[in-house]
Amino acid sequence: MQEIINQFSTLQLISIVLIFIWTGFVRTGIGFGGAALGLPLLLLVDGNPLFFLPIIGAHLLFFTSLTLSSRIHNVNWSVVGSVMAVIIIPKFIGILGLFSLPTHILTIMVFLITLFYGLTWLFNYTISSQSKWVDGFLLVLGGYVSGTSLVGAPLIAAVVMRYVKKTELRETLFILWFILVFFKMGTFVAYDVPLNWQAALWLLPFAAIGHFAGLKAHEYLVHSDSTVFHRVLGLGLIVVSSIGLVKIIGS
């Protein structure tokens, strides 16, 4: 653990702590986006996604299990089965891409996808369709992006929210994230990617702060109009992704 701490400055460590509080809050608050809203920030601290992805994955498995232990009855299992049937193959293709793409290309992909999400949220544009073909495209794309970087959740959520009640959405998504991340963590083990479990444990209490704050926020968002919240998030995503792209291009 000391070696991990030594590789970052004090300012970087403080930034990482704050970001993991944020990811815990977002993941539990809206049911998705912990990686999509956290990984771009983490890549501004350190440009290696393979360092942070196992930590994010471990936290997701832990906190989704914690939430589902008392809310499993809210899961729409029919939708889970239908979605998994579509995204499982592109998910594995995306995982292979994670290990074949150069780090800087993968990082650019993360920032570009994040920029796209930011623009849709800022201008209150909902990614949706009334066609099963478009639903399938969004799921395939979301599965692939989820495989490469874990930031495909908004695309998958855009489809799932068409078929489940608002009160079922978060728990149904949590089951999907658990299955997808479980496969990804298994792939990390198979490819001897360090899981950085000591760093994950060290950051767990900070992510827990965000998690429990997110539980309260979720109850509020379920019964309110979250447009303003999403627009503020969208603006933040645009700023972060723009800074990241300028940083990479400049280097």
Foldseek 3Di string as FASTA:
>chain_A
DVVVVVVADPVLVVQLLVLLLVLLQVCLQQQDCSQLLRVLSNCVSPLALLVCLLLVLVLLLVLLCVVCVPVVVLADVVLLVVLCVLQVVLLVVLLVVLVVDDSLVLSLVSLVVLLVLLVCLQVVNQPEDPDVVSLSVLSSVLSNNCNNRNNSLSSPLSSVPVPHDLSSSNSNSSVNSNVSSVVSVVVCVVVVRDSPVVVSVVSNVSSVNSNVNSNVSNVVVSPDPCSVVSSVSSVVSNVSSVVSVCVSVVD
